[in-house]
Amino acid sequence: MIEENQLAQFKSLVENAQSVVVVLPENARIDELTTALGLQLALREMGKESRLAAVTVPVAQSLTLPGLDQIATELGNQNLTISFDYNEERVDKVSYHIG
């Protein structure tokens, strides 16, 4: 269950974001698909740029869910920003790999 402070943090992150990528799990179930599609619609209603992404396009047999055609399998040349709280004095080194 989601804690109250986690919900508040999520709300703050979304409110302050200009664009949001909703990432679907591999082999997404129908409930995950409909939740992601609904979240994308809600984000767009808030005036946010929103994209859906998945490793592969979900196979929605005999489903005609609006927005399934908008699921991308590649995000393209975009900036990736990852942020998290940390104590600067406790971090000696930050490394990354771009492959």
C-alpha atoms as a PDB file:
ATOM      1  CA  MET A   1       0.000   0.000   0.000  1.00  0.00           C
ATOM      2  CA  ILE A   2       1.236   3.487  -0.799  1.00  0.00           C
ATOM      3  CA  GLU A   3       2.199   5.609   2.182  1.00  0.00           C
ATOM      4  CA  GLU A   4       0.772   9.114   2.485  1.00  0.00           C
ATOM      5  CA  ASN A   5       4.226  10.724   2.159  1.00  0.00           C
ATOM      6  CA  GLN A   6       4.992   8.684  -0.979  1.00  0.00           C
ATOM      7  CA  LEU A   7       1.757   9.871  -2.549  1.00  0.00           C
ATOM      8  CA  ALA A   8       2.572  13.485  -1.663  1.00  0.00           C
ATOM      9  CA  GLN A   9       6.068  13.114  -3.142  1.00  0.00           C
ATOM     10  CA  PHE A  10       4.671  11.584  -6.348  1.00  0.00           C
ATOM     11  CA  LYS A  11       2.126  14.392  -6.635  1.00  0.00           C
ATOM     12  CA  SER A  12       4.856  17.007  -6.180  1.00  0.00           C
ATOM     13  CA  LEU A  13       7.100  15.386  -8.800  1.00  0.00           C
ATOM     14  CA  VAL A  14       4.283  15.257 -11.345  1.00  0.00           C
ATOM     15  CA  GLU A  15       3.160  18.816 -10.664  1.00  0.00           C
ATOM     16  CA  ASN A  16       6.701  20.139 -11.169  1.00  0.00           C
ATOM     17  CA  ALA A  17       7.482  18.052 -14.267  1.00  0.00           C
ATOM     18  CA  GLN A  18       7.088  19.372 -17.789  1.00  0.00           C
ATOM     19  CA  SER A  19       7.071  15.935 -19.363  1.00  0.00           C
ATOM     20  CA  VAL A  20       6.523  12.426 -18.036  1.00  0.00           C
ATOM     21  CA  VAL A  21       7.265   9.005 -19.517  1.00  0.00           C
ATOM     22  CA  VAL A  22       4.980   6.207 -18.355  1.00  0.00           C
ATOM     23  CA  VAL A  23       6.894   2.924 -18.680  1.00  0.00           C
ATOM     24  CA  LEU A  24       4.945  -0.306 -19.009  1.00  0.00           C
ATOM     25  CA  PRO A  25       6.277  -3.585 -17.648  1.00  0.00           C
ATOM     26  CA  GLU A  26       7.227  -6.360 -20.026  1.00  0.00           C
ATOM     27  CA  ASN A  27       4.194  -8.484 -20.939  1.00  0.00           C
ATOM     28  CA  ALA A  28       1.843  -5.899 -19.459  1.00  0.00           C
ATOM     29  CA  ARG A  29      -1.534  -7.206 -18.305  1.00  0.00           C
ATOM     30  CA  ILE A  30      -4.790  -5.530 -19.284  1.00  0.00           C
ATOM     31  CA  ASP A  31      -5.073  -3.764 -15.912  1.00  0.00           C
ATOM     32  CA  GLU A  32      -1.554  -2.366 -16.304  1.00  0.00           C
ATOM     33  CA  LEU A  33      -2.316  -1.202 -19.844  1.00  0.00           C
ATOM     34  CA  THR A  34      -5.535   0.542 -18.878  1.00  0.00           C
ATOM     35  CA  THR A  35      -3.887   2.152 -15.848  1.00  0.00           C
ATOM     36  CA  ALA A  36      -1.010   3.478 -17.974  1.00  0.00           C
ATOM     37  CA  LEU A  37      -3.393   4.773 -20.642  1.00  0.00           C
ATOM     38  CA  GLY A  38      -5.537   6.465 -17.993  1.00  0.00           C
ATOM     39  CA  LEU A  39      -2.487   8.019 -16.348  1.00  0.00           C
ATOM     40  CA  GLN A  40      -1.316   9.356 -19.697  1.00  0.00           C
ATOM     41  CA  LEU A  41      -4.714  10.961 -20.312  1.00  0.00           C
ATOM     42  CA  ALA A  42      -4.702  12.507 -16.835  1.00  0.00           C
ATOM     43  CA  LEU A  43      -1.199  13.902 -17.383  1.00  0.00           C
ATOM     44  CA  ARG A  44      -2.234  15.450 -20.687  1.00  0.00           C
ATOM     45  CA  GLU A  45      -5.279  17.003 -19.016  1.00  0.00           C
ATOM     46  CA  MET A  46      -2.808  18.593 -16.575  1.00  0.00           C
ATOM     47  CA  GLY A  47      -0.954  20.095 -19.544  1.00  0.00           C
ATOM     48  CA  LYS A  48       2.021  17.728 -19.282  1.00  0.00           C
ATOM     49  CA  GLU A  49       3.803  16.211 -22.242  1.00  0.00           C
ATOM     50  CA  SER A  50       3.282  12.494 -21.722  1.00  0.00           C
ATOM     51  CA  ARG A  51       4.597   9.435 -23.526  1.00  0.00           C
ATOM     52  CA  LEU A  52       4.028   5.716 -23.100  1.00  0.00           C
ATOM     53  CA  ALA A  53       6.989   3.358 -23.464  1.00  0.00           C
ATOM     54  CA  ALA A  54       7.439  -0.408 -23.392  1.00  0.00           C
ATOM     55  CA  VAL A  55      10.111  -2.915 -24.360  1.00  0.00           C
ATOM     56  CA  THR A  56       7.690  -4.357 -26.903  1.00  0.00           C
ATOM     57  CA  VAL A  57       4.264  -3.212 -28.015  1.00  0.00           C
ATOM     58  CA  PRO A  58       1.776  -5.122 -25.861  1.00  0.00           C
ATOM     59  CA  VAL A  59      -0.298  -7.690 -27.664  1.00  0.00           C
ATOM     60  CA  ALA A  60      -3.831  -6.718 -26.813  1.00  0.00           C
ATOM     61  CA  GLN A  61      -5.777  -9.455 -28.515  1.00  0.00           C
ATOM     62  CA  SER A  62      -9.153  -8.217 -29.731  1.00  0.00           C
ATOM     63  CA  LEU A  63      -8.827  -5.030 -27.675  1.00  0.00           C
ATOM     64  CA  THR A  64      -9.582  -1.647 -29.087  1.00  0.00           C
ATOM     65  CA  LEU A  65      -8.218   0.498 -26.298  1.00  0.00           C
ATOM     66  CA  PRO A  66      -7.660   4.082 -27.409  1.00  0.00           C
ATOM     67  CA  GLY A  67      -4.002   5.004 -27.171  1.00  0.00           C
ATOM     68  CA  LEU A  68      -2.457   1.562 -27.699  1.00  0.00           C
ATOM     69  CA  ASP A  69      -1.020   2.848 -30.972  1.00  0.00           C
ATOM     70  CA  GLN A  70       0.901   5.523 -29.055  1.00  0.00           C
ATOM     71  CA  ILE A  71       3.106   3.096 -27.119  1.00  0.00           C
ATOM     72  CA  ALA A  72       6.727   3.626 -28.181  1.00  0.00           C
ATOM     73  CA  THR A  73       9.447   0.997 -28.018  1.00  0.00           C
ATOM     74  CA  GLU A  74      12.207   3.605 -28.358  1.00  0.00           C
ATOM     75  CA  LEU A  75      12.420   6.998 -26.717  1.00  0.00           C
ATOM     76  CA  GLY A  76      14.844   8.577 -29.166  1.00  0.00           C
ATOM     77  CA  ASN A  77      17.382  11.307 -28.513  1.00  0.00           C
ATOM     78  CA  GLN A  78      16.027  12.807 -25.319  1.00  0.00           C
ATOM     79  CA  ASN A  79      17.641  13.946 -22.113  1.00  0.00           C
ATOM     80  CA  LEU A  80      17.368  11.541 -19.201  1.00  0.00           C
ATOM     81  CA  THR A  81      17.194  13.202 -15.818  1.00  0.00           C
ATOM     82  CA  ILE A  82      17.297  11.124 -12.657  1.00  0.00           C
ATOM     83  CA  SER A  83      17.051  12.824  -9.299  1.00  0.00           C
ATOM     84  CA  PHE A  84      17.034  11.519  -5.761  1.00  0.00           C
ATOM     85  CA  ASP A  85      17.675  12.761  -2.264  1.00  0.00           C
ATOM     86  CA  TYR A  86      21.150  12.102  -0.958  1.00  0.00           C
ATOM     87  CA  ASN A  87      23.612  13.359   1.612  1.00  0.00           C
ATOM     88  CA  GLU A  88      26.524  14.869  -0.338  1.00  0.00           C
ATOM     89  CA  GLU A  89      28.977  14.071   2.459  1.00  0.00           C
ATOM     90  CA  ARG A  90      28.136  10.360   2.246  1.00  0.00           C
ATOM     91  CA  VAL A  91      28.729  10.042  -1.517  1.00  0.00           C
ATOM     92  CA  ASP A  92      32.335   9.640  -2.620  1.00  0.00           C
ATOM     93  CA  LYS A  93      31.833   8.947  -6.291  1.00  0.00           C
ATOM     94  CA  VAL A  94      29.110   8.926  -8.929  1.00  0.00           C
ATOM     95  CA  SER A  95      29.644   6.859 -12.052  1.00  0.00           C
ATOM     96  CA  TYR A  96      27.578   5.924 -15.062  1.00  0.00           C
ATOM     97  CA  HIS A  97      27.882   4.006 -18.279  1.00  0.00           C
ATOM     98  CA  ILE A  98      26.334   4.899 -21.605  1.00  0.00           C
ATOM     99  CA  GLY A  99      26.413   1.891 -23.893  1.00  0.00           C
END
